[in-house]
PDB file of N, CA and C in Angstrom:
ATOM      1  N   MET A   1     117.154 -31.001 -29.595  1.00  0.00           N
ATOM      2  CA  MET A   1     116.230 -32.140 -29.275  1.00  0.00           C
ATOM      3  C   MET A   1     116.724 -33.680 -29.682  1.00  0.00           C
ATOM      4  N   SER A   2     117.151 -34.385 -29.053  1.00  0.00           N
ATOM      5  CA  SER A   2     117.547 -35.381 -29.450  1.00  0.00           C
ATOM      6  C   SER A   2     116.419 -36.333 -29.717  1.00  0.00           C
ATOM      7  N   SER A   3     116.684 -37.308 -30.622  1.00  0.00           N
ATOM      8  CA  SER A   3     115.799 -38.083 -31.403  1.00  0.00           C
ATOM      9  C   SER A   3     115.512 -39.191 -30.405  1.00  0.00           C
ATOM     10  N   GLU A   4     115.387 -39.209 -29.132  1.00  0.00           N
ATOM     11  CA  GLU A   4     114.790 -40.147 -27.817  1.00  0.00           C
ATOM     12  C   GLU A   4     113.973 -39.055 -27.050  1.00  0.00           C
ATOM     13  N   GLN A   5     114.128 -37.869 -27.097  1.00  0.00           N
ATOM     14  CA  GLN A   5     113.627 -36.837 -26.617  1.00  0.00           C
ATOM     15  C   GLN A   5     112.069 -36.441 -27.626  1.00  0.00           C
ATOM     16  N   ALA A   6     112.397 -36.574 -28.755  1.00  0.00           N
ATOM     17  CA  ALA A   6     111.553 -36.307 -29.614  1.00  0.00           C
ATOM     18  C   ALA A   6     110.319 -37.225 -29.685  1.00  0.00           C
ATOM     19  N   ALA A   7     110.492 -38.552 -29.491  1.00  0.00           N
ATOM     20  CA  ALA A   7     110.106 -39.862 -29.817  1.00  0.00           C
ATOM     21  C   ALA A   7     109.213 -40.007 -28.276  1.00  0.00           C
ATOM     22  N   ALA A   8     109.593 -39.321 -26.839  1.00  0.00           N
ATOM     23  CA  ALA A   8     108.879 -39.307 -25.756  1.00  0.00           C
ATOM     24  C   ALA A   8     108.241 -38.143 -26.021  1.00  0.00           C
ATOM     25  N   TRP A   9     108.651 -37.083 -26.788  1.00  0.00           N
ATOM     26  CA  TRP A   9     107.237 -36.300 -26.561  1.00  0.00           C
ATOM     27  C   TRP A   9     106.231 -36.338 -27.783  1.00  0.00           C
ATOM     28  N   ARG A  10     106.216 -36.929 -28.918  1.00  0.00           N
ATOM     29  CA  ARG A  10     105.369 -37.775 -29.747  1.00  0.00           C
ATOM     30  C   ARG A  10     104.729 -38.183 -28.674  1.00  0.00           C
ATOM     31  N   LEU A  11     105.049 -39.398 -28.199  1.00  0.00           N
ATOM     32  CA  LEU A  11     104.167 -40.528 -27.286  1.00  0.00           C
ATOM     33  C   LEU A  11     103.246 -39.610 -26.601  1.00  0.00           C
ATOM     34  N   GLU A  12     104.196 -38.605 -25.326  1.00  0.00           N
ATOM     35  CA  GLU A  12     102.958 -38.216 -24.955  1.00  0.00           C
ATOM     36  C   GLU A  12     101.946 -37.032 -25.324  1.00  0.00           C
ATOM     37  N   ARG A  13     102.222 -36.746 -26.431  1.00  0.00           N
ATOM     38  CA  ARG A  13     100.782 -35.637 -27.206  1.00  0.00           C
ATOM     39  C   ARG A  13      99.994 -36.656 -27.588  1.00  0.00           C
ATOM     40  N   ARG A  14     100.171 -38.419 -27.544  1.00  0.00           N
ATOM     41  CA  ARG A  14      98.718 -38.900 -28.362  1.00  0.00           C
ATOM     42  C   ARG A  14      97.906 -39.322 -26.778  1.00  0.00           C
ATOM     43  N   ARG A  15      98.462 -38.700 -25.694  1.00  0.00           N
ATOM     44  CA  ARG A  15      97.333 -38.976 -24.945  1.00  0.00           C
ATOM     45  C   ARG A  15      96.214 -37.986 -24.299  1.00  0.00           C
ATOM     46  N   PRO A  16      95.122 -38.354 -24.305  1.00  0.00           N
ATOM     47  CA  PRO A  16      93.953 -37.425 -24.094  1.00  0.00           C
ATOM     48  C   PRO A  16      94.003 -36.250 -23.233  1.00  0.00           C
ATOM     49  N   ARG A  17      93.661 -35.464 -23.222  1.00  0.00           N
ATOM     50  CA  ARG A  17      93.887 -34.197 -22.502  1.00  0.00           C
ATOM     51  C   ARG A  17      92.021 -33.432 -22.182  1.00  0.00           C
ATOM     52  N   VAL A  18      91.758 -33.470 -20.945  1.00  0.00           N
ATOM     53  CA  VAL A  18      90.498 -32.983 -20.724  1.00  0.00           C
ATOM     54  C   VAL A  18      90.522 -31.851 -19.868  1.00  0.00           C
ATOM     55  N   VAL A  19      89.902 -30.573 -19.641  1.00  0.00           N
ATOM     56  CA  VAL A  19      89.902 -29.764 -19.025  1.00  0.00           C
ATOM     57  C   VAL A  19      88.386 -29.795 -18.365  1.00  0.00           C
ATOM     58  N   ILE A  20      88.833 -29.904 -16.616  1.00  0.00           N
ATOM     59  CA  ILE A  20      87.205 -29.892 -15.783  1.00  0.00           C
ATOM     60  C   ILE A  20      87.319 -28.220 -15.472  1.00  0.00           C
ATOM     61  N   VAL A  21      85.746 -28.131 -15.364  1.00  0.00           N
ATOM     62  CA  VAL A  21      85.329 -26.669 -15.012  1.00  0.00           C
ATOM     63  C   VAL A  21      84.705 -26.901 -13.948  1.00  0.00           C
ATOM     64  N   GLY A  22      85.327 -26.432 -12.567  1.00  0.00           N
ATOM     65  CA  GLY A  22      84.476 -26.593 -11.513  1.00  0.00           C
ATOM     66  C   GLY A  22      85.081 -27.571 -10.888  1.00  0.00           C
ATOM     67  N   GLY A  23      86.124 -27.459  -9.404  1.00  0.00           N
ATOM     68  CA  GLY A  23      86.784 -28.159  -8.984  1.00  0.00           C
ATOM     69  C   GLY A  23      86.794 -28.784  -7.378  1.00  0.00           C
ATOM     70  N   GLY A  24      85.040 -28.939  -7.332  1.00  0.00           N
ATOM     71  CA  GLY A  24      84.336 -29.714  -6.114  1.00  0.00           C
ATOM     72  C   GLY A  24      84.791 -30.949  -6.104  1.00  0.00           C
ATOM     73  N   PHE A  25      83.960 -31.774  -5.018  1.00  0.00           N
ATOM     74  CA  PHE A  25      84.355 -32.736  -5.370  1.00  0.00           C
ATOM     75  C   PHE A  25      84.056 -33.823  -6.285  1.00  0.00           C
ATOM     76  N   ALA A  26      83.260 -33.019  -7.135  1.00  0.00           N
ATOM     77  CA  ALA A  26      82.798 -34.252  -8.380  1.00  0.00           C
ATOM     78  C   ALA A  26      83.651 -34.139  -9.291  1.00  0.00           C
ATOM     79  N   GLY A  27      84.383 -33.104  -9.487  1.00  0.00           N
ATOM     80  CA  GLY A  27      85.425 -32.620 -10.267  1.00  0.00           C
ATOM     81  C   GLY A  27      86.836 -32.989  -9.788  1.00  0.00           C
ATOM     82  N   ALA A  28      87.008 -33.160  -8.300  1.00  0.00           N
ATOM     83  CA  ALA A  28      88.171 -33.496  -8.221  1.00  0.00           C
ATOM     84  C   ALA A  28      88.206 -35.387  -8.191  1.00  0.00           C
ATOM     85  N   ALA A  29      87.293 -35.932  -8.103  1.00  0.00           N
ATOM     86  CA  ALA A  29      86.854 -37.209  -7.951  1.00  0.00           C
ATOM     87  C   ALA A  29      87.150 -37.596  -9.708  1.00  0.00           C
ATOM     88  N   ALA A  30      86.190 -36.737 -10.400  1.00  0.00           N
ATOM     89  CA  ALA A  30      86.676 -37.108 -11.839  1.00  0.00           C
ATOM     90  C   ALA A  30      88.260 -37.110 -12.461  1.00  0.00           C
ATOM     91  N   ALA A  31      88.870 -35.708 -11.698  1.00  0.00           N
ATOM     92  CA  ALA A  31      90.049 -35.534 -12.163  1.00  0.00           C
ATOM     93  C   ALA A  31      91.206 -36.885 -12.048  1.00  0.00           C
ATOM     94  N   LYS A  32      91.007 -37.544 -10.348  1.00  0.00           N
ATOM     95  CA  LYS A  32      91.491 -38.711  -9.955  1.00  0.00           C
ATOM     96  C   LYS A  32      91.231 -39.793 -10.825  1.00  0.00           C
ATOM     97  N   ARG A  33      90.171 -40.072 -11.199  1.00  0.00           N
ATOM     98  CA  ARG A  33      89.863 -41.051 -12.348  1.00  0.00           C
ATOM     99  C   ARG A  33      90.638 -40.956 -13.403  1.00  0.00           C
ATOM    100  N   LEU A  34      90.104 -39.830 -14.033  1.00  0.00           N
ATOM    101  CA  LEU A  34      91.164 -39.900 -15.018  1.00  0.00           C
ATOM    102  C   LEU A  34      92.424 -39.537 -15.389  1.00  0.00           C
ATOM    103  N   ARG A  35      92.822 -39.301 -14.174  1.00  0.00           N
ATOM    104  CA  ARG A  35      94.839 -39.525 -13.993  1.00  0.00           C
ATOM    105  C   ARG A  35      95.163 -41.112 -14.452  1.00  0.00           C
ATOM    106  N   ARG A  36      94.243 -41.683 -13.245  1.00  0.00           N
ATOM    107  CA  ARG A  36      94.551 -43.237 -13.152  1.00  0.00           C
ATOM    108  C   ARG A  36      94.205 -43.976 -14.769  1.00  0.00           C
ATOM    109  N   ALA A  37      93.818 -43.456 -15.519  1.00  0.00           N
ATOM    110  CA  ALA A  37      93.383 -43.740 -16.981  1.00  0.00           C
ATOM    111  C   ALA A  37      94.495 -43.020 -17.849  1.00  0.00           C
ATOM    112  N   ASN A  38      95.698 -42.140 -17.159  1.00  0.00           N
ATOM    113  CA  ASN A  38      96.677 -42.120 -18.347  1.00  0.00           C
ATOM    114  C   ASN A  38      96.345 -40.555 -18.968  1.00  0.00           C
ATOM    115  N   VAL A  39      94.938 -39.792 -18.387  1.00  0.00           N
ATOM    116  CA  VAL A  39      94.593 -38.683 -19.143  1.00  0.00           C
ATOM    117  C   VAL A  39      95.474 -37.407 -18.585  1.00  0.00           C
ATOM    118  N   ASP A  40      95.599 -36.783 -19.429  1.00  0.00           N
ATOM    119  CA  ASP A  40      96.279 -35.030 -19.341  1.00  0.00           C
ATOM    120  C   ASP A  40      95.282 -34.194 -18.411  1.00  0.00           C
ATOM    121  N   VAL A  41      94.873 -33.952 -17.085  1.00  0.00           N
ATOM    122  CA  VAL A  41      93.686 -33.770 -16.794  1.00  0.00           C
ATOM    123  C   VAL A  41      94.500 -31.892 -16.321  1.00  0.00           C
ATOM    124  N   THR A  42      93.656 -30.883 -16.592  1.00  0.00           N
ATOM    125  CA  THR A  42      93.570 -29.356 -16.180  1.00  0.00           C
ATOM    126  C   THR A  42      92.394 -29.287 -15.273  1.00  0.00           C
ATOM    127  N   VAL A  43      92.485 -29.031 -14.469  1.00  0.00           N
ATOM    128  CA  VAL A  43      90.928 -28.323 -13.243  1.00  0.00           C
ATOM    129  C   VAL A  43      90.871 -26.866 -13.484  1.00  0.00           C
ATOM    130  N   LEU A  44      89.831 -26.216 -13.911  1.00  0.00           N
ATOM    131  CA  LEU A  44      89.824 -25.214 -14.009  1.00  0.00           C
ATOM    132  C   LEU A  44      88.620 -24.538 -12.547  1.00  0.00           C
ATOM    133  N   ASP A  45      89.340 -23.951 -11.604  1.00  0.00           N
ATOM    134  CA  ASP A  45      88.015 -23.113 -10.200  1.00  0.00           C
ATOM    135  C   ASP A  45      88.658 -22.213  -9.801  1.00  0.00           C
ATOM    136  N   ARG A  46      87.683 -21.218  -9.362  1.00  0.00           N
ATOM    137  CA  ARG A  46      87.949 -20.273  -8.839  1.00  0.00           C
ATOM    138  C   ARG A  46      88.695 -19.723  -7.555  1.00  0.00           C
ATOM    139  N   THR A  47      88.830 -21.089  -7.004  1.00  0.00           N
ATOM    140  CA  THR A  47      89.327 -20.878  -5.386  1.00  0.00           C
ATOM    141  C   THR A  47      90.404 -21.980  -5.934  1.00  0.00           C
ATOM    142  N   ASN A  48      91.528 -22.079  -5.181  1.00  0.00           N
ATOM    143  CA  ASN A  48      92.840 -23.022  -5.069  1.00  0.00           C
ATOM    144  C   ASN A  48      92.507 -24.104  -3.847  1.00  0.00           C
ATOM    145  N   HIS A  49      91.605 -24.238  -3.323  1.00  0.00           N
ATOM    146  CA  HIS A  49      91.334 -25.161  -2.305  1.00  0.00           C
ATOM    147  C   HIS A  49      90.139 -25.910  -2.347  1.00  0.00           C
ATOM    148  N   LEU A  50      89.732 -27.040  -1.899  1.00  0.00           N
ATOM    149  CA  LEU A  50      88.407 -27.986  -1.780  1.00  0.00           C
ATOM    150  C   LEU A  50      88.579 -27.420  -0.524  1.00  0.00           C
ATOM    151  N   LEU A  51      86.999 -27.136  -0.163  1.00  0.00           N
ATOM    152  CA  LEU A  51      86.456 -26.740   1.549  1.00  0.00           C
ATOM    153  C   LEU A  51      84.814 -27.298   1.328  1.00  0.00           C
ATOM    154  N   PHE A  52      84.967 -27.956   2.946  1.00  0.00           N
ATOM    155  CA  PHE A  52      83.987 -28.876   2.930  1.00  0.00           C
ATOM    156  C   PHE A  52      83.295 -27.905   4.468  1.00  0.00           C
ATOM    157  N   GLN A  53      81.963 -27.988   4.463  1.00  0.00           N
ATOM    158  CA  GLN A  53      81.402 -27.018   5.347  1.00  0.00           C
ATOM    159  C   GLN A  53      80.664 -27.848   6.365  1.00  0.00           C
ATOM    160  N   PRO A  54      80.675 -28.864   7.150  1.00  0.00           N
ATOM    161  CA  PRO A  54      79.287 -29.701   7.457  1.00  0.00           C
ATOM    162  C   PRO A  54      77.933 -28.787   8.312  1.00  0.00           C
TER     163      PRO A  54
END
């Protein structure tokens, strides 16, 4: 690993990390806002899609 790669890795690890449990509309909105705030986001949900049934 070069010194540039090591510096980039250290800089990235300073970013906060958040896990959102539940990927409904509120979870998706929270993930979107957190990504804009430069936060590493992981969303956990039992499905892999967002579904709205009126």
